[in-house]
């Protein structure tokens, strides 16, 4: 599982770099109102795309390789039928949704999303085979190319003046690419197999809660945009969306990719509860250890970074989102546990529990966003404070409650969630204190470079003292040469022989 996470982390790095460049350029070419339209489109797409397979591939991953091969034809044709019906339903509903949000452009955007659903259903099914076989290295390679194709096509279309369509059209392009790439990797041809209608009821019965969980996850991730879009001007929603996405890309990719690795790996440990519980705790600890320094460092340097970009790239459009970005960045590590929790529940076939968790989180988020609007109106900082705290409270609280069923007590949960975040916050506070010692009126570039360097050195030094075990484990998950170099530079002891072999 650790090696799988390492490979997917490489795809995360590539995706983050390309996504960052793309958002930098889109911030120049696309207005805040257009970003509001994009937020609504992506929110609806996140919910509707679930129906492109109905959760059927997820069920097959949970059941294992033998069940996948036995039901492959029926599962594929059922997935494609669901994708086709969903695409048609979205195409019909698109004008109605556009009227609700008083945004005519949404009709065309959602029609493009609808066109991508059947194409995406093919790749989602084929990728399930790779997940069953734990071929995370292959998944990572496909994902890297996916990032390149999507971001380059988005940039090209945006520069050519396609506006909001520059984020919709690439959905079709990458769906076509993924279908061919995943077929090349698996070489399976489920479309040549019988429809297997007799197996559909069993698959539908098992996948219902998987689909419900996925729909609820879409609302839990995008519900704030949907709620804000009803109550606030699209320009405000666009600023909120832009600021959130600027700070959350890498953390969302971490959570999503960890879920893809954790679910099939934990499924293989479903009959070994003690080992499964240890794997869950370890995954939480590693997730926070990676996410906390990235997010807190971003919060520290976001002000000079956005100020510079606003001056040289964005034409003074986005400086008003700095406070919002800082709040979402600081709280990000505490808002990402529900994906991991859902993977753990699904690994035991508890799809209904996973759906309930996501449903409650989505409802919680929509209510929190609505209350935030009632209290703070168009104040971005106020909206960010209330919404991010609501997300963090739910994420931590739900995880502590549900992980009790895995034999993990609340003390173990908090010990895996909080130490790395507290160390990162302390490093961030120390960095801000050091920056305050710089001469008044220092250039923004100086503040940016010094802030990043100060934070990096401070966090590593504090982690060496307080989180040495986590550093050792992270070094063990890295490629062998990099791991040995890291242990040498940080003066970490050599790992046990078995652990060292596992890292190679």
Protein backbone atom coordinates (compact mmCIF):
# COMPACT_ATOMS: atom_id res chain seq x y z
CA UNK A 1 0.00 0.00 0.00
CA UNK A 2 2.86 2.38 0.84
CA UNK A 3 4.52 1.84 -2.53
CA UNK A 4 1.21 2.42 -4.28
CA UNK A 5 0.81 5.68 -2.43
CA UNK A 6 4.36 6.66 -3.44
CA UNK A 7 3.62 6.13 -7.13
CA UNK A 8 0.37 8.02 -6.95
CA UNK A 9 2.13 10.81 -5.07
CA UNK A 10 4.35 11.27 -8.14
CA UNK A 11 1.24 11.77 -10.25
CA UNK A 12 -0.01 14.23 -7.62
CA UNK A 13 3.18 16.29 -7.92
CA UNK A 14 2.82 16.40 -11.71
CA UNK A 15 -0.83 17.28 -11.45
CA UNK A 16 -0.19 20.00 -8.90
CA UNK A 17 2.49 21.64 -11.01
CA UNK A 18 0.38 21.60 -14.15
CA UNK A 19 -2.80 22.55 -12.31
CA UNK A 20 -1.02 25.46 -10.66
CA UNK A 21 0.24 26.78 -13.98
CA UNK A 22 -3.22 26.36 -15.48
CA UNK A 23 -4.95 28.26 -12.69
CA UNK A 24 -2.36 31.02 -12.89
CA UNK A 25 -3.19 31.54 -16.55
CA UNK A 26 -6.93 31.10 -16.15
CA UNK A 27 -6.84 33.75 -13.44
CA UNK A 28 -5.70 36.17 -16.13
CA UNK A 29 -8.06 35.13 -18.92
CA UNK A 30 -11.29 34.29 -17.05
CA UNK A 31 -13.37 36.71 -14.96
CA UNK A 32 -14.71 36.12 -11.47
CA UNK A 33 -18.25 35.79 -12.85
CA UNK A 34 -17.08 33.12 -15.29
CA UNK A 35 -15.36 31.27 -12.44
CA UNK A 36 -18.74 31.30 -10.71
CA UNK A 37 -20.27 29.56 -13.73
CA UNK A 38 -17.41 27.06 -13.70
CA UNK A 39 -17.94 26.35 -9.99
CA UNK A 40 -21.58 25.44 -10.58
CA UNK A 41 -20.74 23.34 -13.65
CA UNK A 42 -18.03 21.35 -11.85
CA UNK A 43 -20.26 20.88 -8.81
CA UNK A 44 -23.08 19.40 -10.86
CA UNK A 45 -20.58 17.34 -12.88
CA UNK A 46 -19.09 15.90 -9.68
CA UNK A 47 -22.53 14.67 -8.63
CA UNK A 48 -23.79 13.46 -12.01
CA UNK A 49 -20.56 11.74 -13.10
CA UNK A 50 -21.20 9.20 -10.35
CA UNK A 51 -23.99 7.77 -12.49
CA UNK A 52 -21.65 7.01 -15.36
CA UNK A 53 -21.06 3.62 -13.70
CA UNK A 54 -23.55 3.54 -10.81
CA UNK A 55 -20.84 2.38 -8.41
CA UNK A 56 -20.64 -1.03 -10.09
CA UNK A 57 -16.81 -1.03 -10.56
CA UNK A 58 -16.39 -0.12 -6.89
CA UNK A 59 -18.39 -3.21 -5.91
CA UNK A 60 -16.19 -5.39 -8.11
CA UNK A 61 -13.03 -3.99 -6.52
CA UNK A 62 -14.41 -4.79 -3.07
CA UNK A 63 -15.34 -8.35 -4.12
CA UNK A 64 -11.91 -9.10 -5.57
CA UNK A 65 -10.27 -10.38 -8.75
CA UNK A 66 -12.25 -13.63 -9.05
CA UNK A 67 -15.62 -11.87 -8.83
CA UNK A 68 -14.43 -9.23 -11.31
CA UNK A 69 -13.61 -11.84 -13.94
CA UNK A 70 -16.84 -13.76 -13.32
CA UNK A 71 -19.17 -10.77 -13.72
CA UNK A 72 -17.11 -8.56 -16.03
CA UNK A 73 -19.47 -8.59 -19.03
CA UNK A 74 -22.65 -7.94 -17.08
CA UNK A 75 -20.98 -5.26 -14.96
CA UNK A 76 -19.60 -3.44 -18.00
CA UNK A 77 -22.91 -3.33 -19.88
CA UNK A 78 -24.79 -2.29 -16.75
CA UNK A 79 -22.28 0.53 -16.22
CA UNK A 80 -22.67 1.71 -19.80
CA UNK A 81 -26.46 1.61 -19.57
CA UNK A 82 -26.36 3.76 -16.44
CA UNK A 83 -23.92 6.19 -18.07
CA UNK A 84 -26.12 6.59 -21.14
CA UNK A 85 -29.27 7.19 -19.10
CA UNK A 86 -27.45 9.69 -16.90
CA UNK A 87 -26.12 11.59 -19.90
CA UNK A 88 -29.60 11.85 -21.39
CA UNK A 89 -31.10 12.99 -18.06
CA UNK A 90 -28.46 15.68 -17.61
CA UNK A 91 -28.94 16.93 -21.17
CA UNK A 92 -32.68 17.31 -20.54
CA UNK A 93 -32.19 18.94 -17.14
CA UNK A 94 -29.48 21.39 -18.27
CA UNK A 95 -31.84 24.26 -19.32
CA UNK A 96 -33.77 23.93 -16.04
CA UNK A 97 -30.59 24.11 -13.97
CA UNK A 98 -29.47 27.15 -15.96
CA UNK A 99 -32.76 28.86 -15.14
CA UNK A 100 -32.41 28.09 -11.41
CA UNK A 101 -29.02 29.79 -11.31
CA UNK A 102 -30.01 32.45 -13.87
CA UNK A 103 -26.95 31.52 -15.94
CA UNK A 104 -27.82 30.67 -19.58
CA UNK A 105 -24.27 29.52 -20.32
CA UNK A 106 -24.76 26.58 -17.96
CA UNK A 107 -26.93 24.84 -20.55
CA UNK A 108 -24.10 24.44 -23.06
CA UNK A 109 -21.58 23.60 -20.33
CA UNK A 110 -23.73 20.81 -18.94
CA UNK A 111 -24.40 19.41 -22.41
CA UNK A 112 -20.64 18.97 -22.82
CA UNK A 113 -20.48 17.29 -19.40
CA UNK A 114 -23.28 14.95 -20.50
CA UNK A 115 -21.33 13.99 -23.63
CA UNK A 116 -18.37 12.96 -21.46
CA UNK A 117 -20.33 10.55 -19.26
CA UNK A 118 -20.53 7.44 -21.51
CA UNK A 119 -16.89 7.90 -22.54
CA UNK A 120 -15.82 8.22 -18.93
CA UNK A 121 -17.81 5.13 -17.99
CA UNK A 122 -15.54 2.98 -20.16
CA UNK A 123 -12.34 4.17 -18.51
CA UNK A 124 -13.78 3.98 -15.00
CA UNK A 125 -14.65 0.32 -15.52
CA UNK A 126 -11.28 -0.58 -17.04
CA UNK A 127 -9.44 1.25 -14.25
CA UNK A 128 -11.27 -0.90 -11.72
CA UNK A 129 -9.35 -3.88 -13.12
CA UNK A 130 -6.07 -2.07 -12.44
CA UNK A 131 -7.22 -1.33 -8.88
CA UNK A 132 -8.23 -4.95 -8.28
CA UNK A 133 -4.75 -6.03 -9.35
CA UNK A 134 -3.14 -3.23 -7.24
CA UNK A 135 -1.34 -1.87 -10.32
CA UNK A 136 -0.92 1.58 -8.84
CA UNK A 137 2.22 2.32 -10.85
CA UNK A 138 0.24 1.94 -14.08
CA UNK A 139 -2.60 4.05 -12.68
CA UNK A 140 -0.05 6.73 -11.84
CA UNK A 141 1.36 6.77 -15.37
CA UNK A 142 -2.11 7.09 -16.86
CA UNK A 143 -2.93 9.85 -14.38
CA UNK A 144 0.22 11.81 -15.25
CA UNK A 145 -0.67 11.84 -18.92
CA UNK A 146 -4.27 12.72 -17.99
CA UNK A 147 -3.03 15.82 -16.13
CA UNK A 148 -0.88 16.86 -19.09
CA UNK A 149 -3.66 16.46 -21.66
CA UNK A 150 -6.34 18.15 -19.57
CA UNK A 151 -4.25 21.12 -18.51
CA UNK A 152 -2.66 21.76 -21.90
CA UNK A 153 -6.02 21.57 -23.64
CA UNK A 154 -7.55 23.89 -21.04
CA UNK A 155 -4.78 26.44 -21.47
CA UNK A 156 -4.98 26.25 -25.25
CA UNK A 157 -8.74 26.73 -25.33
CA UNK A 158 -8.68 29.53 -22.77
CA UNK A 159 -5.96 31.41 -24.66
CA UNK A 160 -8.04 31.05 -27.82
CA UNK A 161 -10.96 32.79 -26.13
CA UNK A 162 -13.25 29.83 -25.32
CA UNK A 163 -13.90 31.20 -21.81
CA UNK A 164 -15.81 28.81 -19.55
CA UNK A 165 -15.89 26.18 -22.29
CA UNK A 166 -12.13 25.83 -21.89
CA UNK A 167 -12.81 23.79 -18.74
CA UNK A 168 -15.72 21.79 -20.16
CA UNK A 169 -14.38 20.57 -23.52
CA UNK A 170 -11.28 18.91 -21.96
CA UNK A 171 -13.63 16.60 -20.03
CA UNK A 172 -14.48 14.92 -23.33
CA UNK A 173 -10.87 14.93 -24.51
CA UNK A 174 -9.48 13.22 -21.40
CA UNK A 175 -12.38 10.74 -21.31
CA UNK A 176 -11.40 9.54 -24.78
CA UNK A 177 -7.73 9.36 -23.78
CA UNK A 178 -8.46 7.42 -20.59
CA UNK A 179 -10.57 4.85 -22.41
CA UNK A 180 -7.71 4.07 -24.82
CA UNK A 181 -5.00 4.22 -22.15
CA UNK A 182 -6.82 1.95 -19.70
CA UNK A 183 -7.64 -0.52 -22.48
CA UNK A 184 -3.97 -0.61 -23.49
CA UNK A 185 -3.00 -1.27 -19.86
CA UNK A 186 -5.58 -4.00 -19.20
CA UNK A 187 -6.16 -5.47 -22.68
CA UNK A 188 -9.56 -6.71 -21.54
CA UNK A 189 -12.56 -6.43 -23.90
CA UNK A 190 -15.71 -6.54 -21.77
CA UNK A 191 -17.78 -5.15 -24.69
CA UNK A 192 -17.35 -8.52 -26.43
CA UNK A 193 -18.98 -10.36 -23.54
CA UNK A 194 -22.72 -11.08 -23.18
CA UNK A 195 -24.99 -8.50 -21.53
CA UNK A 196 -25.60 -10.86 -18.61
CA UNK A 197 -28.98 -9.37 -17.75
CA UNK A 198 -29.57 -12.03 -15.08
CA UNK A 199 -26.67 -10.65 -13.05
CA UNK A 200 -27.84 -7.03 -13.17
CA UNK A 201 -30.22 -7.21 -10.17
CA UNK A 202 -27.46 -8.48 -7.88
CA UNK A 203 -25.01 -5.85 -9.12
CA UNK A 204 -27.58 -3.08 -8.81
CA UNK A 205 -28.52 -4.16 -5.31
CA UNK A 206 -24.90 -4.15 -4.19
CA UNK A 207 -23.99 -0.93 -6.00
CA UNK A 208 -26.96 1.16 -4.85
CA UNK A 209 -25.27 2.34 -1.69
CA UNK A 210 -21.96 2.75 -3.51
CA UNK A 211 -23.66 5.11 -5.95
CA UNK A 212 -25.46 6.87 -3.12
CA UNK A 213 -22.15 7.34 -1.33
CA UNK A 214 -20.53 8.76 -4.47
CA UNK A 215 -23.41 11.18 -5.09
CA UNK A 216 -23.26 12.28 -1.47
CA UNK A 217 -19.50 12.71 -1.77
CA UNK A 218 -20.04 15.05 -4.70
CA UNK A 219 -22.40 17.17 -2.61
CA UNK A 220 -20.00 17.02 0.34
CA UNK A 221 -17.19 18.37 -1.86
CA UNK A 222 -19.18 20.88 -3.90
CA UNK A 223 -22.28 21.66 -1.84
CA UNK A 224 -20.96 25.02 -0.70
CA UNK A 225 -20.69 26.23 -4.33
CA UNK A 226 -24.22 25.05 -5.07
CA UNK A 227 -25.62 26.83 -2.00
CA UNK A 228 -23.61 30.02 -2.48
CA UNK A 229 -24.61 30.14 -6.15
CA UNK A 230 -28.26 30.44 -5.17
CA UNK A 231 -27.80 33.23 -2.62
CA UNK A 232 -24.84 35.29 -3.87
CA UNK A 233 -23.78 36.99 -7.12
CA UNK A 234 -21.72 34.79 -9.43
CA UNK A 235 -18.78 37.17 -9.06
CA UNK A 236 -18.59 36.40 -5.33
CA UNK A 237 -19.00 32.67 -5.95
CA UNK A 238 -16.22 32.89 -8.53
CA UNK A 239 -13.83 34.51 -6.05
CA UNK A 240 -14.71 31.94 -3.41
CA UNK A 241 -14.17 29.11 -5.91
CA UNK A 242 -10.89 30.53 -7.20
CA UNK A 243 -9.48 31.07 -3.72
CA UNK A 244 -10.51 27.65 -2.46
CA UNK A 245 -9.16 25.82 -5.51
CA UNK A 246 -5.88 27.71 -5.37
CA UNK A 247 -5.18 26.32 -1.90
CA UNK A 248 -6.85 22.91 -2.09
CA UNK A 249 -5.60 21.23 -5.27
CA UNK A 250 -2.77 19.19 -3.79
CA UNK A 251 -4.73 18.22 -0.68
CA UNK A 252 -7.76 17.05 -2.66
CA UNK A 253 -5.48 15.00 -4.89
CA UNK A 254 -3.82 13.47 -1.81
CA UNK A 255 -7.16 12.49 -0.31
CA UNK A 256 -8.55 11.13 -3.57
CA UNK A 257 -5.46 9.13 -4.49
CA UNK A 258 -5.07 7.78 -0.98
CA UNK A 259 -8.65 6.56 -1.17
CA UNK A 260 -7.93 4.77 -4.45
CA UNK A 261 -4.93 3.03 -2.85
CA UNK A 262 -6.46 2.41 0.55
CA UNK A 263 -9.77 0.90 -0.55
CA UNK A 264 -8.42 -2.10 -2.51
CA UNK A 265 -5.57 -2.61 -0.02
CA UNK A 266 -7.90 -2.60 2.99
CA UNK A 267 -10.31 -4.87 1.15
CA UNK A 268 -7.60 -7.52 1.19
CA UNK A 269 -7.28 -7.08 4.96
CA UNK A 270 -11.02 -7.25 5.66
CA UNK A 271 -10.63 -10.63 7.42
CA UNK A 272 -7.65 -9.38 9.49
CA UNK A 273 -9.16 -6.62 11.66
CA UNK A 274 -6.04 -5.89 13.69
CA UNK A 275 -3.84 -5.41 10.64
CA UNK A 276 -6.57 -3.36 8.99
CA UNK A 277 -6.85 -1.07 12.01
CA UNK A 278 -3.08 -0.51 12.04
CA UNK A 279 -3.13 0.28 8.31
CA UNK A 280 -5.88 2.87 8.82
CA UNK A 281 -4.06 4.63 11.66
CA UNK A 282 -0.81 4.60 9.69
CA UNK A 283 -2.55 6.05 6.62
CA UNK A 284 -4.10 8.89 8.65
CA UNK A 285 -0.73 9.73 10.17
CA UNK A 286 1.09 9.75 6.82
CA UNK A 287 -1.67 11.78 5.15
CA UNK A 288 -1.47 14.52 7.78
CA UNK A 289 2.33 14.41 7.84
CA UNK A 290 2.39 15.20 4.11
CA UNK A 291 -0.59 17.56 4.01
CA UNK A 292 0.06 19.69 7.10
CA UNK A 293 3.41 21.26 6.12
CA UNK A 294 2.25 21.86 2.55
CA UNK A 295 -0.96 23.60 3.60
CA UNK A 296 0.47 25.65 6.48
CA UNK A 297 3.48 26.75 4.42
CA UNK A 298 1.07 27.88 1.72
CA UNK A 299 -0.88 29.88 4.30
CA UNK A 300 2.35 31.58 5.41
CA UNK A 301 3.49 32.62 1.92
CA UNK A 302 0.11 33.13 0.26
CA UNK A 303 0.01 36.89 0.83
CA UNK A 304 3.29 37.79 -0.96
CA UNK A 305 2.65 35.07 -3.56
CA UNK A 306 -0.81 36.34 -4.55
CA UNK A 307 0.35 39.96 -4.37
CA UNK A 308 3.13 39.20 -6.87
CA UNK A 309 0.86 37.20 -9.16
CA UNK A 310 -1.86 39.83 -8.99
CA UNK A 311 0.65 42.41 -10.12
CA UNK A 312 2.34 40.57 -12.98
CA UNK A 313 -0.26 38.01 -14.16
CA UNK A 314 -3.80 38.59 -12.90
CA UNK A 315 -4.30 42.30 -13.55
CA UNK A 316 -5.19 43.01 -9.88
CA UNK A 317 -8.23 40.69 -9.80
CA UNK A 318 -7.63 38.25 -6.94
CA UNK A 319 -5.92 40.00 -4.00
CA UNK A 320 -9.29 40.15 -2.23
CA UNK A 321 -9.17 36.35 -1.82
CA UNK A 322 -5.95 36.25 0.26
CA UNK A 323 -7.69 35.99 3.64
CA UNK A 324 -9.98 33.23 2.38
CA UNK A 325 -6.99 31.31 0.99
CA UNK A 326 -5.13 31.50 4.30
CA UNK A 327 -8.07 30.14 6.28
CA UNK A 328 -8.76 27.23 3.94
CA UNK A 329 -5.06 26.36 3.77
CA UNK A 330 -4.58 26.24 7.54
CA UNK A 331 -7.67 24.09 8.16
CA UNK A 332 -7.20 21.80 5.14
CA UNK A 333 -5.51 18.85 6.92
CA UNK A 334 -8.43 18.55 9.34
CA UNK A 335 -11.03 18.62 6.57
CA UNK A 336 -9.89 15.60 4.57
CA UNK A 337 -10.53 12.54 6.76
CA UNK A 338 -13.95 11.56 5.45
CA UNK A 339 -12.50 10.21 2.19
CA UNK A 340 -10.21 7.93 4.15
CA UNK A 341 -13.06 6.95 6.47
CA UNK A 342 -15.27 6.09 3.49
CA UNK A 343 -12.50 3.92 1.99
CA UNK A 344 -12.20 2.03 5.28
CA UNK A 345 -15.95 1.48 5.52
CA UNK A 346 -16.22 0.41 1.88
CA UNK A 347 -13.37 -2.09 2.30
CA UNK A 348 -15.64 -4.02 4.67
CA UNK A 349 -18.60 -3.76 2.30
CA UNK A 350 -20.26 -1.09 4.48
CA UNK A 351 -21.35 1.00 1.52
CA UNK A 352 -24.52 2.07 3.28
CA UNK A 353 -22.52 3.53 6.18
CA UNK A 354 -20.23 5.28 3.73
CA UNK A 355 -23.25 6.80 1.96
CA UNK A 356 -24.72 7.98 5.26
CA UNK A 357 -21.44 9.64 6.27
CA UNK A 358 -21.17 11.51 2.98
CA UNK A 359 -24.86 12.44 3.02
CA UNK A 360 -24.53 13.92 6.49
CA UNK A 361 -21.37 15.77 5.47
CA UNK A 362 -23.05 17.17 2.36
CA UNK A 363 -26.09 18.34 4.30
CA UNK A 364 -23.82 19.79 7.00
CA UNK A 365 -21.85 21.71 4.35
CA UNK A 366 -24.92 23.10 2.60
CA UNK A 367 -26.42 24.23 5.92
CA UNK A 368 -23.10 25.75 7.01
CA UNK A 369 -22.79 27.66 3.72
CA UNK A 370 -26.36 28.94 4.00
CA UNK A 371 -25.82 30.09 7.59
CA UNK A 372 -22.52 31.71 6.57
CA UNK A 373 -24.32 33.71 3.89
CA UNK A 374 -27.00 34.78 6.37
CA UNK A 375 -24.35 35.98 8.85
CA UNK A 376 -21.54 37.30 6.65
CA UNK A 377 -23.20 38.02 3.30
CA UNK A 378 -20.53 38.62 0.66
CA UNK A 379 -17.63 38.77 3.18
CA UNK A 380 -15.20 36.14 1.86
CA UNK A 381 -13.22 35.80 5.10
CA UNK A 382 -16.35 35.28 7.17
CA UNK A 383 -17.65 32.69 4.74
CA UNK A 384 -14.31 30.84 4.82
CA UNK A 385 -14.06 30.81 8.63
CA UNK A 386 -17.51 29.36 9.24
CA UNK A 387 -17.50 26.87 6.35
CA UNK A 388 -13.96 25.58 6.96
CA UNK A 389 -14.55 25.13 10.70
CA UNK A 390 -17.80 23.30 10.02
CA UNK A 391 -16.00 20.96 7.63
CA UNK A 392 -13.17 20.31 10.10
CA UNK A 393 -15.53 19.58 12.99
CA UNK A 394 -17.50 17.08 10.91
CA UNK A 395 -14.42 15.42 9.40
CA UNK A 396 -12.69 14.83 12.73
CA UNK A 397 -15.84 14.02 14.70
CA UNK A 398 -17.28 11.56 12.17
CA UNK A 399 -13.94 9.79 11.81
CA UNK A 400 -13.52 9.35 15.56
CA UNK A 401 -17.06 8.00 15.88
CA UNK A 402 -17.00 5.59 12.93
CA UNK A 403 -13.47 4.26 13.45
CA UNK A 404 -14.53 2.88 16.81
CA UNK A 405 -16.12 0.06 14.80
CA UNK A 406 -12.63 -0.85 13.59
CA UNK A 407 -11.28 -1.10 17.13
CA UNK A 408 -9.59 2.31 16.94
CA UNK A 409 -10.24 4.44 20.04
CA UNK A 410 -10.49 8.22 20.03
CA UNK A 411 -7.04 8.63 21.60
CA UNK A 412 -5.42 6.73 18.72
CA UNK A 413 -7.36 8.81 16.22
CA UNK A 414 -6.22 12.10 17.71
CA UNK A 415 -2.63 10.89 18.06
CA UNK A 416 -2.59 10.14 14.33
CA UNK A 417 -4.42 13.33 13.28
CA UNK A 418 -3.00 16.14 15.40
CA UNK A 419 0.79 15.97 16.05
CA UNK A 420 1.98 16.78 12.51
CA UNK A 421 -0.62 19.54 12.19
CA UNK A 422 0.40 21.08 15.53
CA UNK A 423 4.08 20.95 14.52
CA UNK A 424 3.24 22.61 11.20
CA UNK A 425 1.23 25.33 12.96
CA UNK A 426 4.11 25.94 15.37
CA UNK A 427 6.54 26.14 12.44
CA UNK A 428 4.18 28.55 10.72
CA UNK A 429 3.97 30.76 13.81
CA UNK A 430 7.74 30.75 14.16
CA UNK A 431 8.13 31.66 10.51
CA UNK A 432 5.75 34.62 10.84
CA UNK A 433 7.74 35.81 13.87
CA UNK A 434 10.97 35.64 11.88
CA UNK A 435 9.40 37.48 8.93
CA UNK A 436 8.33 40.24 11.30
CA UNK A 437 12.03 40.88 11.98
CA UNK A 438 12.71 41.74 8.35
CA UNK A 439 12.97 45.45 7.49
CA UNK A 440 9.66 47.22 6.95
CA UNK A 441 8.78 47.52 3.29
CA UNK A 442 10.72 44.41 2.22
CA UNK A 443 9.98 43.30 -1.31
CA UNK A 444 7.20 40.74 -1.73
CA UNK A 445 9.63 38.37 -3.46
CA UNK A 446 11.94 38.53 -0.44
CA UNK A 447 9.03 37.75 1.89
CA UNK A 448 8.00 34.84 -0.32
CA UNK A 449 11.46 33.27 -0.51
CA UNK A 450 12.30 33.85 3.14
CA UNK A 451 8.90 32.60 4.26
CA UNK A 452 9.21 29.36 2.33
CA UNK A 453 12.81 28.74 3.44
CA UNK A 454 12.18 29.64 7.08
CA UNK A 455 9.16 27.38 7.24
CA UNK A 456 10.88 24.43 5.57
CA UNK A 457 13.89 24.53 7.88
CA UNK A 458 11.76 25.10 10.98
CA UNK A 459 9.31 22.29 10.21
CA UNK A 460 12.02 19.75 9.39
CA UNK A 461 13.93 20.64 12.55
CA UNK A 462 10.83 20.32 14.71
CA UNK A 463 9.74 17.12 12.95
CA UNK A 464 13.19 15.62 13.60
CA UNK A 465 12.61 16.17 17.31
CA UNK A 466 8.88 15.45 17.69
CA UNK A 467 8.00 13.32 14.64
CA UNK A 468 11.11 11.21 14.05
CA UNK A 469 9.07 8.02 13.61
CA UNK A 470 6.97 9.65 10.89
CA UNK A 471 10.10 10.86 9.12
CA UNK A 472 11.50 7.32 9.25
CA UNK A 473 8.33 5.88 7.79
CA UNK A 474 8.13 8.48 5.03
CA UNK A 475 11.78 7.81 4.14
CA UNK A 476 10.93 4.11 3.98
CA UNK A 477 8.12 4.74 1.50
CA UNK A 478 10.39 6.75 -0.81
CA UNK A 479 12.54 5.10 -3.50
CA UNK A 480 15.53 3.38 -1.89
CA UNK A 481 18.21 5.90 -2.87
CA UNK A 482 16.10 8.90 -1.89
CA UNK A 483 15.17 7.24 1.40
CA UNK A 484 18.80 6.55 2.31
CA UNK A 485 19.80 10.12 1.41
CA UNK A 486 16.97 11.54 3.55
CA UNK A 487 17.97 9.39 6.53
CA UNK A 488 21.58 10.50 6.16
CA UNK A 489 20.74 14.22 5.94
CA UNK A 490 18.33 14.08 8.89
CA UNK A 491 20.61 11.82 10.95
CA UNK A 492 17.89 9.19 11.20
CA UNK A 493 18.80 5.64 12.26
CA UNK A 494 18.81 2.89 9.67
CA UNK A 495 15.53 0.96 9.47
CA UNK A 496 15.14 -2.74 10.29
CA UNK A 497 16.19 -4.98 7.43
CA UNK A 498 12.68 -6.08 6.52
CA UNK A 499 11.45 -2.52 6.48
CA UNK A 500 14.36 -1.45 4.28
CA UNK A 501 13.62 -4.23 1.81
CA UNK A 502 10.02 -3.14 1.65
CA UNK A 503 11.11 0.33 0.58
CA UNK A 504 13.15 -0.91 -2.36
